[in-house]
Structures are given as structure tokens and as C-alpha cells.
Amino acid sequence: MPPIAPAVNAWFAENARNLPWRRPGFPAWGTLVSEFMLQQTPVARVVPRLAEWLERWPTPADLAADAPGEAVRAWQSLGYPRRALRLHACAVAIAERFGGVVPHSVDALLSLPGVGDYTARAVAVFAYGHRHPVVDTNIRRVIARAVDGLPDAPAPNATRDLPAMEALLPHDLAEAARFNAGMMELGALVCTARSPRCEACPLASSCAWLAAGRPQLEVARRPVQKKYEGSDRQARGALLRVLRDTTGPVPADRLAEAVPDPARYGRALTGLLTDGLLVALSDDLFALP
């Protein structure tokens, strides 16, 4: 197969979405915050919240100086609010151990709370221009189809996925970073899981899967997510909403009004306390951390 980076990078130059973290001068801290927010949350919901976040906390030190509960409050409707606590802990670590500057090496980034291999590589590449393979679900799917001729990507496996992307990565630093971003964008917009638009793909002429006639396009069914309405997750969200919308501690009876079912209320309250998303000031008085 011929090198695919030139085609992907040329396509990306013409078709990339205008996202904040792709603009010149966007800070490394902003890139790190965006990566936390983008975990399990659509881009459209992240963009406005990211702008608000960086206006309020333009540096890690700014966030570290605030209480963790303020991060939870500002997280609002992004979902999975434990990410807000991890991001606050990450800001504290950056302020205390790295002089308030987001580190640039993968190893240093991995030492931060809540930062895994993907996030560490993404920040090193997109914020600092280092040359590393960055592999997400979209990239795995593009490689599986274009290179391996498979209908979809197999289960994630770093010992396979990272070398596969490394083999395609240009040696030039700027081109390598662009290729990482371009492959993600191609998987998100064109080489999608259920309705790939092969006619619009820059790799159509060399794609192994397309050449084989697009065999067996059967995307594995995802586990059916439990209904949000009436769930414990909804109850947790209702309790957090009361706490976010209130200045200061909240009495237990007011929290209970938000979740009338005593069993769901008890499970939600216990879960939030266990996760550190709220603290008990007494038996009947609670607050954000």
C-alpha cells in the first residue's frame, strides 16, 4: 500500500472542522482540558463549556486555587462529573510539581492524575508538536479498513494499534501531528462506523476494504445502555444539580425533594459521597467538595 499520509493531510487541510484546540496559539492547558471534556462527550457540547472554563481558569494554577467543588459546579451538563474532580487534581499536580506549566513529555503527563496513555500522547502531539502515534477509535477503524481490509477495528490493543499507526506516521514533526489529527477527523466524518462515505474518502483509491468490495460491514452491537429516565444516574444528576445551583451547604431534606424515591435517593447519595463529588458536613447537611 502506498503511503497514506499525504492524501490524508491534504484532505484534512481542506475539510478539518474549525475547532478551538486546532487554532494557532491555543494553550497546552486548553488542549489538556479539552481532552478531559471530550471523553464520552460530543464535540458540540464541549466547545461552549471549554470556552467558559478557560475564561474562568486560564491556567492550571487558577483552577488549583479554587475548591474542587467549583470544578464540579462548572462541569454542568457534560456528564460523568468525576472527570471534573480528576481535572482539578491534575491542575493541582501541575501547579505543585511542574511550576504551573503543563508538561510536554508523555512520561511526565502520565504521572498526572486522570491522564492515561491516549491523553498523554494527544497533549504531547497536539499541544507541543512531538512525534508520537495517537490512536483513538476513529483511527483504529480507518487503519483496519484502509490498511488491513477489515470491516471494522478489532478490540483496542496498544501493542498492535500503536505500532500500526507508527508505521504510517510521517517523519516530519508538523506532518506527523497533522496526520494524527487528520486520521481522527477522517474516521469521525467519512470513515464512520455505520455509514462510511467511501465516495468522499481520500483513501478510496488504495483502501484494502473498498477494493475487496466492502465485505461484511457488520459493526458489533454496543451493549444497550440502561434508560436514563428513572435511573440511579439520573438521580445522581438531580442531586448534583441542586448542589451546583445552590451557594453553600444543602440540607438533606432539600436534596431528598429532588429524588422522591427513598431507595434511589439513598443509592445516589451514597455513590456521590463515595466518589468524592459531595461531602457530608453533618448527618443532614451536604456540600460540594
C-alpha atoms as a PDB file:
ATOM      1  CA  MET A   1       0.000   0.000   0.000  1.00  0.00           C
ATOM      2  CA  PRO A   2       1.378   3.455  -0.859  1.00  0.00           C
ATOM      3  CA  PRO A   3       1.953   5.983   1.931  1.00  0.00           C
ATOM      4  CA  ILE A   4      -1.390   7.389   3.007  1.00  0.00           C
ATOM      5  CA  ALA A   5      -0.245  10.430   4.983  1.00  0.00           C
ATOM      6  CA  PRO A   6      -0.031  12.851   2.003  1.00  0.00           C
ATOM      7  CA  ALA A   7      -3.601  12.087   0.947  1.00  0.00           C
ATOM      8  CA  VAL A   8      -4.965  12.305   4.489  1.00  0.00           C
ATOM      9  CA  ASN A   9      -3.112  15.540   5.252  1.00  0.00           C
ATOM     10  CA  ALA A  10      -4.239  17.178   2.005  1.00  0.00           C
ATOM     11  CA  TRP A  11      -7.828  16.175   2.733  1.00  0.00           C
ATOM     12  CA  PHE A  12      -7.548  17.431   6.320  1.00  0.00           C
ATOM     13  CA  ALA A  13      -6.270  20.817   5.139  1.00  0.00           C
ATOM     14  CA  GLU A  14      -9.483  21.260   3.137  1.00  0.00           C
ATOM     15  CA  ASN A  15     -12.020  19.593   5.414  1.00  0.00           C
ATOM     16  CA  ALA A  16     -10.937  19.995   9.047  1.00  0.00           C
ATOM     17  CA  ARG A  17     -13.575  21.397  11.358  1.00  0.00           C
ATOM     18  CA  ASN A  18     -12.716  24.758  12.891  1.00  0.00           C
ATOM     19  CA  LEU A  19     -12.305  23.611  16.487  1.00  0.00           C
ATOM     20  CA  PRO A  20     -10.716  25.717  19.253  1.00  0.00           C
ATOM     21  CA  TRP A  21      -7.925  23.269  20.080  1.00  0.00           C
ATOM     22  CA  ARG A  22      -6.772  23.330  16.443  1.00  0.00           C
ATOM     23  CA  ARG A  23      -6.270  27.082  16.257  1.00  0.00           C
ATOM     24  CA  PRO A  24      -2.769  28.614  16.350  1.00  0.00           C
ATOM     25  CA  GLY A  25      -1.706  29.690  19.809  1.00  0.00           C
ATOM     26  CA  PHE A  26      -4.204  27.530  21.668  1.00  0.00           C
ATOM     27  CA  PRO A  27      -2.542  26.802  25.035  1.00  0.00           C
ATOM     28  CA  ALA A  28      -1.384  23.391  26.214  1.00  0.00           C
ATOM     29  CA  TRP A  29      -3.650  23.756  29.249  1.00  0.00           C
ATOM     30  CA  GLY A  30      -6.603  24.239  26.906  1.00  0.00           C
ATOM     31  CA  THR A  31      -5.633  21.108  24.991  1.00  0.00           C
ATOM     32  CA  LEU A  32      -5.477  19.110  28.213  1.00  0.00           C
ATOM     33  CA  VAL A  33      -8.854  20.432  29.390  1.00  0.00           C
ATOM     34  CA  SER A  34     -10.416  19.666  26.009  1.00  0.00           C
ATOM     35  CA  GLU A  35      -9.134  16.085  26.110  1.00  0.00           C
ATOM     36  CA  PHE A  36     -10.726  15.565  29.536  1.00  0.00           C
ATOM     37  CA  MET A  37     -14.005  17.037  28.332  1.00  0.00           C
ATOM     38  CA  LEU A  38     -14.094  15.079  25.069  1.00  0.00           C
ATOM     39  CA  GLN A  39     -14.039  11.729  26.861  1.00  0.00           C
ATOM     40  CA  GLN A  40     -17.541  10.320  26.252  1.00  0.00           C
ATOM     41  CA  THR A  41     -18.962  13.752  25.356  1.00  0.00           C
ATOM     42  CA  PRO A  42     -19.794  15.055  21.834  1.00  0.00           C
ATOM     43  CA  VAL A  43     -17.742  17.919  20.415  1.00  0.00           C
ATOM     44  CA  ALA A  44     -20.778  20.204  20.102  1.00  0.00           C
ATOM     45  CA  ARG A  45     -21.384  20.081  23.860  1.00  0.00           C
ATOM     46  CA  VAL A  46     -17.716  20.516  24.725  1.00  0.00           C
ATOM     47  CA  VAL A  47     -16.926  23.661  22.700  1.00  0.00           C
ATOM     48  CA  PRO A  48     -19.052  26.181  24.665  1.00  0.00           C
ATOM     49  CA  ARG A  49     -18.170  24.669  28.043  1.00  0.00           C
ATOM     50  CA  LEU A  50     -14.458  24.711  27.172  1.00  0.00           C
ATOM     51  CA  ALA A  51     -14.619  28.427  26.370  1.00  0.00           C
ATOM     52  CA  GLU A  52     -16.318  29.176  29.688  1.00  0.00           C
ATOM     53  CA  TRP A  53     -13.823  27.022  31.573  1.00  0.00           C
ATOM     54  CA  LEU A  54     -10.740  28.671  30.063  1.00  0.00           C
ATOM     55  CA  GLU A  55     -12.158  32.138  30.611  1.00  0.00           C
ATOM     56  CA  ARG A  56     -12.596  31.380  34.293  1.00  0.00           C
ATOM     57  CA  TRP A  57      -9.437  29.280  34.740  1.00  0.00           C
ATOM     58  CA  PRO A  58      -6.941  30.235  32.018  1.00  0.00           C
ATOM     59  CA  THR A  59      -4.089  28.384  33.753  1.00  0.00           C
ATOM     60  CA  PRO A  60      -3.742  25.247  35.875  1.00  0.00           C
ATOM     61  CA  ALA A  61      -2.809  27.417  38.858  1.00  0.00           C
ATOM     62  CA  ASP A  62      -6.111  29.301  38.549  1.00  0.00           C
ATOM     63  CA  LEU A  63      -8.096  26.085  38.795  1.00  0.00           C
ATOM     64  CA  ALA A  64      -5.878  24.642  41.524  1.00  0.00           C
ATOM     65  CA  ALA A  65      -6.532  27.727  43.667  1.00  0.00           C
ATOM     66  CA  ASP A  66     -10.272  27.031  43.645  1.00  0.00           C
ATOM     67  CA  ALA A  67     -12.093  24.292  45.567  1.00  0.00           C
ATOM     68  CA  PRO A  68     -12.702  21.006  43.730  1.00  0.00           C
ATOM     69  CA  GLY A  69     -16.419  21.622  44.084  1.00  0.00           C
ATOM     70  CA  GLU A  70     -16.168  24.663  41.842  1.00  0.00           C
ATOM     71  CA  ALA A  71     -14.873  22.414  39.069  1.00  0.00           C
ATOM     72  CA  VAL A  72     -17.849  20.104  39.597  1.00  0.00           C
ATOM     73  CA  ARG A  73     -20.197  23.111  39.547  1.00  0.00           C
ATOM     74  CA  ALA A  74     -18.708  24.428  36.284  1.00  0.00           C
ATOM     75  CA  TRP A  75     -18.855  20.990  34.665  1.00  0.00           C
ATOM     76  CA  GLN A  76     -22.648  21.323  34.486  1.00  0.00           C
ATOM     77  CA  SER A  77     -24.176  19.040  31.833  1.00  0.00           C
ATOM     78  CA  LEU A  78     -21.038  17.455  30.371  1.00  0.00           C
ATOM     79  CA  GLY A  79     -21.771  14.196  32.200  1.00  0.00           C
ATOM     80  CA  TYR A  80     -19.518  11.829  34.149  1.00  0.00           C
ATOM     81  CA  PRO A  81     -18.606  14.586  36.646  1.00  0.00           C
ATOM     82  CA  ARG A  82     -15.796  12.598  38.231  1.00  0.00           C
ATOM     83  CA  ARG A  83     -13.782  13.908  35.286  1.00  0.00           C
ATOM     84  CA  ALA A  84     -14.083  17.371  36.829  1.00  0.00           C
ATOM     85  CA  LEU A  85     -12.519  16.149  40.067  1.00  0.00           C
ATOM     86  CA  ARG A  86      -9.710  14.428  38.173  1.00  0.00           C
ATOM     87  CA  LEU A  87      -9.060  17.562  36.151  1.00  0.00           C
ATOM     88  CA  HIS A  88      -8.885  19.628  39.325  1.00  0.00           C
ATOM     89  CA  ALA A  89      -6.428  17.132  40.843  1.00  0.00           C
ATOM     90  CA  CYS A  90      -4.442  17.319  37.612  1.00  0.00           C
ATOM     91  CA  ALA A  91      -4.295  21.124  37.879  1.00  0.00           C
ATOM     92  CA  VAL A  92      -3.068  20.881  41.478  1.00  0.00           C
ATOM     93  CA  ALA A  93      -0.322  18.453  40.437  1.00  0.00           C
ATOM     94  CA  ILE A  94       0.767  20.722  37.567  1.00  0.00           C
ATOM     95  CA  ALA A  95       0.857  23.746  39.877  1.00  0.00           C
ATOM     96  CA  GLU A  96       2.780  21.945  42.613  1.00  0.00           C
ATOM     97  CA  ARG A  97       5.132  19.722  40.629  1.00  0.00           C
ATOM     98  CA  PHE A  98       5.620  21.453  37.278  1.00  0.00           C
ATOM     99  CA  GLY A  99       5.606  25.140  38.146  1.00  0.00           C
ATOM    100  CA  GLY A 100       2.143  25.652  36.698  1.00  0.00           C
ATOM    101  CA  VAL A 101       3.202  24.549  33.198  1.00  0.00           C
ATOM    102  CA  VAL A 102       1.606  21.526  31.514  1.00  0.00           C
ATOM    103  CA  PRO A 103       4.480  19.058  30.998  1.00  0.00           C
ATOM    104  CA  HIS A 104       5.396  18.105  27.453  1.00  0.00           C
ATOM    105  CA  SER A 105       6.752  14.557  27.734  1.00  0.00           C
ATOM    106  CA  VAL A 106       4.475  11.530  27.637  1.00  0.00           C
ATOM    107  CA  ASP A 107       6.030  10.101  30.811  1.00  0.00           C
ATOM    108  CA  ALA A 108       5.538  13.343  32.753  1.00  0.00           C
ATOM    109  CA  LEU A 109       1.968  13.674  31.502  1.00  0.00           C
ATOM    110  CA  LEU A 110       1.233  10.090  32.535  1.00  0.00           C
ATOM    111  CA  SER A 111       2.248  10.980  36.087  1.00  0.00           C
ATOM    112  CA  LEU A 112      -0.694  13.390  36.354  1.00  0.00           C
ATOM    113  CA  PRO A 113      -3.977  12.281  37.984  1.00  0.00           C
ATOM    114  CA  GLY A 114      -6.564  11.148  35.476  1.00  0.00           C
ATOM    115  CA  VAL A 115      -4.198  11.195  32.478  1.00  0.00           C
ATOM    116  CA  GLY A 116      -3.976   7.922  30.551  1.00  0.00           C
ATOM    117  CA  ASP A 117      -1.875   6.887  27.589  1.00  0.00           C
ATOM    118  CA  TYR A 118      -4.156   8.365  24.932  1.00  0.00           C
ATOM    119  CA  THR A 119      -4.483  11.737  26.670  1.00  0.00           C
ATOM    120  CA  ALA A 120      -0.752  11.946  27.370  1.00  0.00           C
ATOM    121  CA  ARG A 121       0.098  11.293  23.728  1.00  0.00           C
ATOM    122  CA  ALA A 122      -2.596  13.662  22.468  1.00  0.00           C
ATOM    123  CA  VAL A 123      -1.292  16.565  24.581  1.00  0.00           C
ATOM    124  CA  ALA A 124       2.352  15.866  23.666  1.00  0.00           C
ATOM    125  CA  VAL A 125       1.446  15.823  19.967  1.00  0.00           C
ATOM    126  CA  PHE A 126      -1.257  18.454  19.597  1.00  0.00           C
ATOM    127  CA  ALA A 127      -0.009  20.960  22.177  1.00  0.00           C
ATOM    128  CA  TYR A 128       3.742  20.541  21.786  1.00  0.00           C
ATOM    129  CA  GLY A 129       4.217  19.095  18.320  1.00  0.00           C
ATOM    130  CA  HIS A 130       6.046  15.949  19.401  1.00  0.00           C
ATOM    131  CA  ARG A 131       6.080  12.925  17.147  1.00  0.00           C
ATOM    132  CA  HIS A 132       4.057  10.078  18.663  1.00  0.00           C
ATOM    133  CA  PRO A 133       1.324   7.851  17.294  1.00  0.00           C
ATOM    134  CA  VAL A 134      -2.056   8.819  18.767  1.00  0.00           C
ATOM    135  CA  VAL A 135      -4.743   6.175  18.419  1.00  0.00           C
ATOM    136  CA  ASP A 136      -8.433   6.557  19.162  1.00  0.00           C
ATOM    137  CA  THR A 137     -11.476   4.601  17.977  1.00  0.00           C
ATOM    138  CA  ASN A 138     -11.689   6.556  14.721  1.00  0.00           C
ATOM    139  CA  ILE A 139      -8.050   5.965  13.827  1.00  0.00           C
ATOM    140  CA  ARG A 140      -8.281   2.257  14.615  1.00  0.00           C
ATOM    141  CA  ARG A 141     -11.247   1.966  12.261  1.00  0.00           C
ATOM    142  CA  VAL A 142      -9.513   3.812   9.382  1.00  0.00           C
ATOM    143  CA  ILE A 143      -6.413   1.627   9.696  1.00  0.00           C
ATOM    144  CA  ALA A 144      -8.490  -1.552   9.933  1.00  0.00           C
ATOM    145  CA  ARG A 145     -10.295  -0.746   6.694  1.00  0.00           C
ATOM    146  CA  ALA A 146      -7.744   1.129   4.604  1.00  0.00           C
ATOM    147  CA  VAL A 147      -4.704  -0.971   5.530  1.00  0.00           C
ATOM    148  CA  ASP A 148      -5.974  -4.336   6.767  1.00  0.00           C
ATOM    149  CA  GLY A 149      -9.123  -4.693   4.663  1.00  0.00           C
ATOM    150  CA  LEU A 150     -11.316  -5.372   7.678  1.00  0.00           C
ATOM    151  CA  PRO A 151     -14.916  -4.123   8.003  1.00  0.00           C
ATOM    152  CA  ASP A 152     -14.223  -2.588  11.397  1.00  0.00           C
ATOM    153  CA  ALA A 153     -11.485  -2.339  14.004  1.00  0.00           C
ATOM    154  CA  PRO A 154     -10.928  -5.193  16.431  1.00  0.00           C
ATOM    155  CA  ALA A 155     -10.854  -4.553  20.162  1.00  0.00           C
ATOM    156  CA  PRO A 156      -8.256  -1.978  21.293  1.00  0.00           C
ATOM    157  CA  ASN A 157      -4.774  -3.379  21.788  1.00  0.00           C
ATOM    158  CA  ALA A 158      -1.922  -0.942  22.376  1.00  0.00           C
ATOM    159  CA  THR A 159       0.752  -3.464  21.407  1.00  0.00           C
ATOM    160  CA  ARG A 160      -0.885  -3.710  17.981  1.00  0.00           C
ATOM    161  CA  ASP A 161      -2.513  -0.306  17.497  1.00  0.00           C
ATOM    162  CA  LEU A 162       0.435   1.973  18.318  1.00  0.00           C
ATOM    163  CA  PRO A 163       2.944   0.202  16.031  1.00  0.00           C
ATOM    164  CA  ALA A 164       0.348   0.170  13.228  1.00  0.00           C
ATOM    165  CA  MET A 165      -0.047   3.955  13.467  1.00  0.00           C
ATOM    166  CA  GLU A 166       3.698   4.471  13.954  1.00  0.00           C
ATOM    167  CA  ALA A 167       4.335   2.665  10.653  1.00  0.00           C
ATOM    168  CA  LEU A 168       2.152   5.209   8.830  1.00  0.00           C
ATOM    169  CA  LEU A 169       3.411   8.316  10.642  1.00  0.00           C
ATOM    170  CA  PRO A 170       5.476  10.849   8.624  1.00  0.00           C
ATOM    171  CA  HIS A 171       8.938  11.668   9.955  1.00  0.00           C
ATOM    172  CA  ASP A 172       8.379  15.439   9.748  1.00  0.00           C
ATOM    173  CA  LEU A 173       7.049  16.699  13.096  1.00  0.00           C
ATOM    174  CA  ALA A 174       4.399  19.031  11.706  1.00  0.00           C
ATOM    175  CA  GLU A 175       3.204  16.483   9.151  1.00  0.00           C
ATOM    176  CA  ALA A 176       3.079  13.776  11.821  1.00  0.00           C
ATOM    177  CA  ALA A 177       0.895  15.906  14.109  1.00  0.00           C
ATOM    178  CA  ARG A 178      -1.338  16.815  11.170  1.00  0.00           C
ATOM    179  CA  PHE A 179      -1.645  13.165  10.198  1.00  0.00           C
ATOM    180  CA  ASN A 180      -2.735  12.152  13.698  1.00  0.00           C
ATOM    181  CA  ALA A 181      -5.446  14.813  13.641  1.00  0.00           C
ATOM    182  CA  GLY A 182      -6.375  14.061  10.039  1.00  0.00           C
ATOM    183  CA  MET A 183      -6.882  10.361  10.668  1.00  0.00           C
ATOM    184  CA  MET A 184      -9.141  11.157  13.624  1.00  0.00           C
ATOM    185  CA  GLU A 185     -11.153  13.581  11.506  1.00  0.00           C
ATOM    186  CA  LEU A 186     -11.409  11.124   8.628  1.00  0.00           C
ATOM    187  CA  GLY A 187     -12.815   8.472  10.946  1.00  0.00           C
ATOM    188  CA  ALA A 188     -15.214  10.932  12.559  1.00  0.00           C
ATOM    189  CA  LEU A 189     -16.589  12.461   9.356  1.00  0.00           C
ATOM    190  CA  VAL A 190     -16.093   9.984   6.480  1.00  0.00           C
ATOM    191  CA  CYS A 191     -14.954   6.502   7.525  1.00  0.00           C
ATOM    192  CA  THR A 192     -17.698   6.245  10.104  1.00  0.00           C
ATOM    193  CA  ALA A 193     -18.760   3.061  11.846  1.00  0.00           C
ATOM    194  CA  ARG A 194     -22.223   2.575  10.358  1.00  0.00           C
ATOM    195  CA  SER A 195     -22.429   4.688   7.184  1.00  0.00           C
ATOM    196  CA  PRO A 196     -18.969   5.189   5.675  1.00  0.00           C
ATOM    197  CA  ARG A 197     -18.898   7.690   2.813  1.00  0.00           C
ATOM    198  CA  CYS A 198     -16.326   5.930   0.647  1.00  0.00           C
ATOM    199  CA  GLU A 199     -17.082   8.194  -2.310  1.00  0.00           C
ATOM    200  CA  ALA A 200     -15.722  11.150  -0.304  1.00  0.00           C
ATOM    201  CA  CYS A 201     -12.683   9.378   1.141  1.00  0.00           C
ATOM    202  CA  PRO A 202      -9.173  10.478   0.112  1.00  0.00           C
ATOM    203  CA  LEU A 203      -8.016   6.869   0.543  1.00  0.00           C
ATOM    204  CA  ALA A 204     -10.641   5.330  -1.744  1.00  0.00           C
ATOM    205  CA  SER A 205      -8.157   4.502  -4.499  1.00  0.00           C
ATOM    206  CA  SER A 206      -5.911   2.489  -2.168  1.00  0.00           C
ATOM    207  CA  CYS A 207      -8.316   1.246   0.534  1.00  0.00           C
ATOM    208  CA  ALA A 208      -7.966  -2.505   1.021  1.00  0.00           C
ATOM    209  CA  TRP A 209     -11.502  -2.887   2.352  1.00  0.00           C
ATOM    210  CA  LEU A 210     -13.081  -0.950  -0.532  1.00  0.00           C
ATOM    211  CA  ALA A 211     -11.002  -2.904  -3.059  1.00  0.00           C
ATOM    212  CA  ALA A 212     -12.368  -6.132  -1.570  1.00  0.00           C
ATOM    213  CA  GLY A 213     -15.932  -4.921  -2.109  1.00  0.00           C
ATOM    214  CA  ARG A 214     -16.617  -3.724   1.428  1.00  0.00           C
ATOM    215  CA  PRO A 215     -17.166  -7.242   2.801  1.00  0.00           C
ATOM    216  CA  GLN A 216     -19.271  -7.951   5.858  1.00  0.00           C
ATOM    217  CA  LEU A 217     -19.923  -4.472   7.167  1.00  0.00           C
ATOM    218  CA  GLU A 218     -21.287  -5.642  10.477  1.00  0.00           C
ATOM    219  CA  VAL A 219     -20.499  -3.273  13.302  1.00  0.00           C
ATOM    220  CA  ALA A 220     -20.578  -5.050  16.631  1.00  0.00           C
ATOM    221  CA  ARG A 221     -23.628  -4.119  18.624  1.00  0.00           C
ATOM    222  CA  ARG A 222     -22.919  -1.978  21.607  1.00  0.00           C
ATOM    223  CA  PRO A 223     -24.413  -3.022  24.920  1.00  0.00           C
ATOM    224  CA  VAL A 224     -27.812  -1.410  25.310  1.00  0.00           C
ATOM    225  CA  GLN A 225     -27.464   1.415  27.780  1.00  0.00           C
ATOM    226  CA  LYS A 226     -29.993   1.493  30.558  1.00  0.00           C
ATOM    227  CA  LYS A 227     -32.650   4.159  30.236  1.00  0.00           C
ATOM    228  CA  TYR A 228     -31.586   7.431  31.809  1.00  0.00           C
ATOM    229  CA  GLU A 229     -35.115   8.291  32.905  1.00  0.00           C
ATOM    230  CA  GLY A 230     -35.697   6.781  36.324  1.00  0.00           C
ATOM    231  CA  SER A 231     -32.122   5.536  36.662  1.00  0.00           C
ATOM    232  CA  ASP A 232     -29.686   5.980  39.529  1.00  0.00           C
ATOM    233  CA  ARG A 233     -27.553   8.041  37.154  1.00  0.00           C
ATOM    234  CA  GLN A 234     -30.452  10.455  36.710  1.00  0.00           C
ATOM    235  CA  ALA A 235     -30.859  10.595  40.499  1.00  0.00           C
ATOM    236  CA  ARG A 236     -27.163  11.437  40.934  1.00  0.00           C
ATOM    237  CA  GLY A 237     -27.525  14.188  38.352  1.00  0.00           C
ATOM    238  CA  ALA A 238     -30.573  15.591  40.118  1.00  0.00           C
ATOM    239  CA  LEU A 239     -28.727  15.791  43.447  1.00  0.00           C
ATOM    240  CA  LEU A 240     -25.678  17.394  41.844  1.00  0.00           C
ATOM    241  CA  ARG A 241     -27.918  19.922  40.086  1.00  0.00           C
ATOM    242  CA  VAL A 242     -29.333  21.071  43.419  1.00  0.00           C
ATOM    243  CA  LEU A 243     -25.833  21.418  44.866  1.00  0.00           C
ATOM    244  CA  ARG A 244     -24.494  23.237  41.768  1.00  0.00           C
ATOM    245  CA  ASP A 245     -27.393  25.673  41.777  1.00  0.00           C
ATOM    246  CA  THR A 246     -27.031  26.484  45.486  1.00  0.00           C
ATOM    247  CA  THR A 247     -24.422  28.618  47.169  1.00  0.00           C
ATOM    248  CA  GLY A 248     -23.274  26.896  50.331  1.00  0.00           C
ATOM    249  CA  PRO A 249     -24.394  23.665  52.042  1.00  0.00           C
ATOM    250  CA  VAL A 250     -27.714  21.993  51.279  1.00  0.00           C
ATOM    251  CA  PRO A 251     -29.880  20.207  53.899  1.00  0.00           C
ATOM    252  CA  ALA A 252     -30.726  16.574  53.310  1.00  0.00           C
ATOM    253  CA  ASP A 253     -34.469  17.187  53.127  1.00  0.00           C
ATOM    254  CA  ARG A 254     -33.980  19.564  50.203  1.00  0.00           C
ATOM    255  CA  LEU A 255     -31.857  17.015  48.385  1.00  0.00           C
ATOM    256  CA  ALA A 256     -34.473  14.358  49.027  1.00  0.00           C
ATOM    257  CA  GLU A 257     -37.084  16.551  47.322  1.00  0.00           C
ATOM    258  CA  ALA A 258     -35.108  16.219  44.077  1.00  0.00           C
ATOM    259  CA  VAL A 259     -35.307  12.396  44.216  1.00  0.00           C
ATOM    260  CA  PRO A 260     -38.605  11.376  45.868  1.00  0.00           C
ATOM    261  CA  ASP A 261     -37.869   7.627  45.715  1.00  0.00           C
ATOM    262  CA  PRO A 262     -36.076   6.903  49.039  1.00  0.00           C
ATOM    263  CA  ALA A 263     -34.171   3.904  47.666  1.00  0.00           C
ATOM    264  CA  ARG A 264     -32.864   5.771  44.624  1.00  0.00           C
ATOM    265  CA  TYR A 265     -32.062   8.778  46.783  1.00  0.00           C
ATOM    266  CA  GLY A 266     -30.064   6.649  49.199  1.00  0.00           C
ATOM    267  CA  ARG A 267     -28.095   4.934  46.436  1.00  0.00           C
ATOM    268  CA  ALA A 268     -27.399   8.210  44.640  1.00  0.00           C
ATOM    269  CA  LEU A 269     -26.293   9.977  47.805  1.00  0.00           C
ATOM    270  CA  THR A 270     -24.021   7.111  48.837  1.00  0.00           C
ATOM    271  CA  GLY A 271     -22.493   6.952  45.361  1.00  0.00           C
ATOM    272  CA  LEU A 272     -21.752  10.674  45.251  1.00  0.00           C
ATOM    273  CA  LEU A 273     -20.162  10.542  48.702  1.00  0.00           C
ATOM    274  CA  THR A 274     -18.059   7.529  47.707  1.00  0.00           C
ATOM    275  CA  ASP A 275     -16.887   9.247  44.520  1.00  0.00           C
ATOM    276  CA  GLY A 276     -15.973  12.412  46.401  1.00  0.00           C
ATOM    277  CA  LEU A 277     -18.440  14.517  44.421  1.00  0.00           C
ATOM    278  CA  LEU A 278     -20.061  15.777  47.615  1.00  0.00           C
ATOM    279  CA  VAL A 279     -19.109  15.849  51.271  1.00  0.00           C
ATOM    280  CA  ALA A 280     -21.193  15.379  54.410  1.00  0.00           C
ATOM    281  CA  LEU A 281     -20.834  18.295  56.813  1.00  0.00           C
ATOM    282  CA  SER A 282     -23.173  16.509  59.235  1.00  0.00           C
ATOM    283  CA  ASP A 283     -25.795  13.777  59.083  1.00  0.00           C
ATOM    284  CA  ASP A 284     -28.209  16.099  57.306  1.00  0.00           C
ATOM    285  CA  LEU A 285     -26.063  18.761  55.637  1.00  0.00           C
ATOM    286  CA  PHE A 286     -24.128  18.301  52.403  1.00  0.00           C
ATOM    287  CA  ALA A 287     -21.943  20.376  50.076  1.00  0.00           C
ATOM    288  CA  LEU A 288     -19.736  20.155  47.029  1.00  0.00           C
ATOM    289  CA  PRO A 289     -16.120  19.298  47.950  1.00  0.00           C
END
